Amino acid sequence: SGAVEALSARAAAVFGLPRSCCETLQLVRYATPDAFYKAHRDSLADEAQVLLGGQRVGTVLVYLGDVPPGRGGATRFERLAADVAPAAGMALAFANVDASGAPEPRSEHAALPLLPGEPPVEKVAVNCWIRAFPGADQL
């Protein structure tokens, strides 16, 4: 669709790369307190995956909805002592590798769980992973 193409192109452009460097977008939805994602890095450790489309040099995470204050769901960067609260329409961009191409430890992040309460809340976002080489959009 036009929206997917536009988002993919803008995400890749953040890192100075063409649209074809953006992998197929991934929608994520967290709707319960037991839905979260442990601390991880988006850079690839599997050499076969790196050879396929290049390293994931950057990530753009686009939040599609708000999570009210005090209800959890932040993206936590432990090594930076930073939590980013989901806000509709906000994009969070970060490098997964350093200038030499080595995995960047400070990019490690986690999706914190939602906190129970009324009304129920959900976190919805789109992952845009940017690869070093064109053709990632076909992966």
Protein backbone atom coordinates (compact mmCIF):
# COMPACT_ATOMS: atom_id res chain seq x y z
CA SER A 1 0.00 0.00 0.00
CA GLY A 2 1.02 3.63 -0.29
CA ALA A 3 1.28 4.04 3.49
CA VAL A 4 3.60 1.02 3.81
CA GLU A 5 5.80 2.27 0.98
CA ALA A 6 5.96 5.78 2.43
CA LEU A 7 6.80 4.55 5.93
CA SER A 8 9.44 2.13 4.62
CA ALA A 9 11.05 4.86 2.52
CA ARG A 10 11.08 7.37 5.39
CA ALA A 11 12.51 4.82 7.83
CA ALA A 12 15.35 3.91 5.47
CA ALA A 13 16.04 7.58 4.73
CA VAL A 14 16.69 8.19 8.45
CA PHE A 15 19.85 6.12 7.92
CA GLY A 16 20.63 7.59 4.49
CA LEU A 17 19.59 4.42 2.67
CA PRO A 18 17.07 3.64 -0.09
CA ARG A 19 13.62 2.20 0.57
CA SER A 20 14.76 -1.27 -0.59
CA CYS A 21 16.99 -1.48 2.52
CA CYS A 22 13.89 -1.65 4.76
CA GLU A 23 12.75 -5.16 5.63
CA THR A 24 9.06 -6.04 5.40
CA LEU A 25 7.39 -4.09 8.21
CA GLN A 26 6.41 -6.00 11.34
CA LEU A 27 3.32 -5.04 13.35
CA VAL A 28 3.52 -5.80 17.06
CA ARG A 29 0.63 -5.74 19.53
CA TYR A 30 0.87 -6.15 23.27
CA ALA A 31 -2.55 -6.43 24.92
CA THR A 32 -1.98 -8.14 28.29
CA PRO A 33 0.41 -7.67 31.21
CA ASP A 34 2.18 -10.94 30.32
CA ALA A 35 2.96 -9.67 26.78
CA PHE A 36 6.41 -8.10 26.70
CA TYR A 37 9.78 -8.59 25.00
CA LYS A 38 12.96 -9.26 26.96
CA ALA A 39 16.09 -7.16 26.47
CA HIS A 40 17.61 -7.81 23.04
CA ARG A 41 19.44 -6.18 20.15
CA ASP A 42 18.04 -5.95 16.63
CA SER A 43 21.46 -6.48 15.03
CA LEU A 44 21.89 -9.92 13.51
CA ALA A 45 24.26 -12.53 14.94
CA ASP A 46 23.48 -15.18 12.30
CA GLU A 47 26.10 -14.84 9.54
CA ALA A 48 23.77 -16.40 6.95
CA GLN A 49 21.17 -13.72 7.68
CA VAL A 50 23.78 -10.98 7.40
CA LEU A 51 24.94 -12.35 4.03
CA LEU A 52 21.33 -12.43 2.81
CA GLY A 53 20.64 -8.71 3.11
CA GLY A 54 23.36 -7.12 5.15
CA GLN A 55 23.42 -6.26 8.82
CA ARG A 56 20.46 -4.51 10.43
CA VAL A 57 22.15 -1.14 10.75
CA GLY A 58 19.17 0.65 12.25
CA THR A 59 15.69 0.35 13.69
CA VAL A 60 12.76 2.73 13.46
CA LEU A 61 9.96 1.86 15.87
CA VAL A 62 6.70 3.68 15.12
CA TYR A 63 4.07 3.77 17.87
CA LEU A 64 0.52 3.57 16.52
CA GLY A 65 -1.26 4.35 19.78
CA ASP A 66 -0.83 5.91 23.19
CA VAL A 67 -0.31 4.02 26.43
CA PRO A 68 -1.56 6.21 29.28
CA PRO A 69 1.02 7.32 31.88
CA GLY A 70 1.44 4.81 34.66
CA ARG A 71 0.26 1.87 32.54
CA GLY A 72 3.68 0.52 31.44
CA GLY A 73 4.56 -0.51 27.91
CA ALA A 74 7.67 1.66 27.58
CA THR A 75 10.64 0.73 25.43
CA ARG A 76 13.56 0.51 27.85
CA PHE A 77 17.20 1.14 26.99
CA GLU A 78 18.84 -0.13 30.18
CA ARG A 79 22.40 0.88 29.22
CA LEU A 80 21.20 4.41 28.53
CA ALA A 81 18.96 4.55 31.61
CA ALA A 82 16.12 5.62 29.30
CA ASP A 83 12.48 4.61 28.97
CA VAL A 84 10.46 5.78 25.97
CA ALA A 85 6.70 5.87 26.53
CA PRO A 86 4.53 4.93 23.53
CA ALA A 87 2.78 7.93 21.97
CA ALA A 88 0.65 7.69 18.83
CA GLY A 89 2.54 8.77 15.72
CA MET A 90 5.92 9.01 17.43
CA ALA A 91 8.90 7.26 15.85
CA LEU A 92 11.95 6.10 17.76
CA ALA A 93 15.07 5.60 15.62
CA PHE A 94 18.35 4.09 16.78
CA ALA A 95 21.52 2.60 15.31
CA ASN A 96 22.10 -1.12 15.84
CA VAL A 97 25.78 -0.97 14.90
CA ASP A 98 28.61 1.46 15.54
CA ALA A 99 30.63 3.29 12.88
CA SER A 100 32.80 0.20 12.27
CA GLY A 101 29.74 -2.01 11.74
CA ALA A 102 30.08 -3.84 15.06
CA PRO A 103 26.92 -4.45 17.11
CA GLU A 104 26.17 -1.43 19.31
CA PRO A 105 25.63 -2.59 22.93
CA ARG A 106 23.72 0.59 23.80
CA SER A 107 20.99 -0.41 21.34
CA GLU A 108 19.86 -3.23 23.63
CA HIS A 109 16.20 -2.62 24.46
CA ALA A 110 13.15 -4.27 25.94
CA ALA A 111 9.39 -3.87 25.60
CA LEU A 112 8.20 -3.47 29.17
CA PRO A 113 4.94 -5.13 30.17
CA LEU A 114 1.68 -3.26 30.34
CA LEU A 115 0.37 -2.75 33.85
CA PRO A 116 -3.09 -4.00 34.80
CA GLY A 117 -5.91 -1.54 35.27
CA GLU A 118 -9.16 -0.27 33.86
CA PRO A 119 -9.80 0.28 31.13
CA PRO A 120 -7.51 -2.32 29.54
CA VAL A 121 -4.78 -0.83 27.34
CA GLU A 122 -2.69 -2.10 24.48
CA LYS A 123 0.58 -1.15 22.82
CA VAL A 124 0.68 -1.28 19.03
CA ALA A 125 3.78 -0.44 17.02
CA VAL A 126 5.51 -1.11 13.71
CA ASN A 127 9.11 -2.33 13.55
CA CYS A 128 11.10 -1.01 10.59
CA TRP A 129 14.46 -2.79 10.40
CA ILE A 130 16.96 -1.22 8.04
CA ARG A 131 19.59 -3.43 6.41
CA ALA A 132 22.94 -2.40 4.98
CA PHE A 133 22.19 -3.63 1.44
CA PRO A 134 19.33 -3.01 -1.01
CA GLY A 135 16.96 -5.94 -1.45
CA ALA A 136 15.98 -6.32 2.21
CA ASP A 137 12.42 -5.45 1.21
CA GLN A 138 12.25 -8.85 -0.51
CA LEU A 139 13.22 -10.83 2.61
